[in-house]
Protein backbone atom coordinates (compact mmCIF):
# COMPACT_ATOMS: atom_id res chain seq x y z
CA MET A 1 130.48 69.49 117.12
CA PHE A 2 127.11 71.20 117.00
CA TRP A 3 127.67 74.22 114.77
CA ASP A 4 124.07 75.40 114.62
CA VAL A 5 123.24 74.85 118.32
CA PRO A 6 123.59 78.03 120.43
CA GLU A 7 124.85 76.17 123.52
CA PRO A 8 126.45 72.89 122.40
CA ASP A 9 127.72 71.99 125.87
CA LYS A 10 124.19 72.01 127.28
CA ALA A 11 122.91 69.99 124.31
CA ARG A 12 125.71 67.47 124.80
CA ALA A 13 124.93 67.19 128.52
CA VAL A 14 121.25 66.53 127.78
CA LEU A 15 122.11 63.89 125.18
CA VAL A 16 124.57 62.12 127.48
CA GLY A 17 121.96 62.16 130.25
CA LYS A 18 119.35 60.65 127.94
CA LEU A 19 121.77 57.97 126.75
CA THR A 20 122.39 56.99 130.36
CA GLU A 21 118.63 56.79 131.02
CA TRP A 22 118.05 54.75 127.86
CA ARG A 23 120.84 52.34 128.80
CA GLU A 24 119.29 51.84 132.25
CA VAL A 25 115.85 51.25 130.72
CA PHE A 26 117.35 48.75 128.29
CA GLN A 27 119.06 46.90 131.14
CA GLN A 28 115.82 46.81 133.12
CA GLN A 29 113.99 45.44 130.09
CA LYS A 30 116.60 42.69 129.73
CA ILE A 31 116.16 41.80 133.41
CA ALA A 32 112.38 41.83 133.07
CA PHE A 33 112.61 39.55 130.02
CA SER A 34 114.81 37.15 131.98
CA VAL A 35 112.38 37.17 134.90
CA GLU A 36 109.48 36.44 132.55
CA LYS A 37 111.39 33.54 131.00
CA MET A 38 112.15 32.24 134.48
CA ALA A 39 108.46 32.43 135.35
CA GLU A 40 107.53 30.58 132.16
CA ARG A 41 110.02 27.81 132.91
CA THR A 42 108.61 27.55 136.42
CA THR A 43 105.12 26.88 135.12
CA LEU A 44 106.48 24.18 132.80
CA ALA A 45 108.62 22.43 135.42
CA SER A 46 107.41 20.99 138.67
CA PRO A 47 108.94 22.26 141.92
CA GLN A 48 110.42 18.81 142.59
CA SER A 49 112.42 18.78 139.35
CA THR A 50 113.99 22.20 139.93
CA GLY A 51 114.44 21.86 143.68
CA GLU A 52 112.98 25.34 144.04
CA THR A 53 109.45 26.06 145.18
CA VAL A 54 107.17 28.81 143.96
CA VAL A 55 107.71 30.56 147.29
CA ASP A 56 111.48 30.58 146.69
CA LYS A 57 110.96 32.11 143.27
CA LEU A 58 108.58 34.70 144.65
CA GLU A 59 111.19 35.65 147.23
CA LYS A 60 113.77 36.09 144.46
CA LEU A 61 111.35 38.30 142.54
CA LYS A 62 110.74 40.39 145.65
CA LYS A 63 114.49 40.83 146.13
CA LEU A 64 114.81 42.03 142.52
CA LEU A 65 111.98 44.48 143.11
CA ASP A 66 113.52 45.76 146.35
CA ALA A 67 116.90 46.15 144.65
CA GLY A 68 115.30 48.25 141.92
CA ALA A 69 116.23 45.75 139.20
CA ILE A 70 112.61 45.40 138.11
CA THR A 71 109.59 47.69 138.31
CA LYS A 72 106.43 47.05 140.32
CA GLU A 73 104.55 46.26 137.10
CA GLU A 74 107.19 43.73 136.02
CA TYR A 75 107.09 42.16 139.49
CA GLU A 76 103.31 41.84 139.41
CA LYS A 77 103.36 40.34 135.92
CA ALA A 78 106.01 37.74 136.82
CA LYS A 79 104.26 36.95 140.13
CA LYS A 80 100.99 36.38 138.30
CA LYS A 81 102.69 33.93 135.93
CA LEU A 82 104.24 32.06 138.86
CA LEU A 83 100.96 31.75 140.68
CA GLU A 84 98.97 30.51 137.67
């Protein structure tokens, strides 16, 4: 309980809202990290060994972007790694 806060219910609502935002950001960061790792593995492996072409991986990245799972900046960074 917030004894020294004039309106503890409002403070609680703000904190719960921020926790939800932080959790979403954390999840997006985990997804972005996974995408970056996937892009790194792609540059190390040839398309023949994985059975997946760079175009296929770019399409997957685009789907993640469209779904809101990654940000535009994360998409561009992963795409750049794939194309290198």
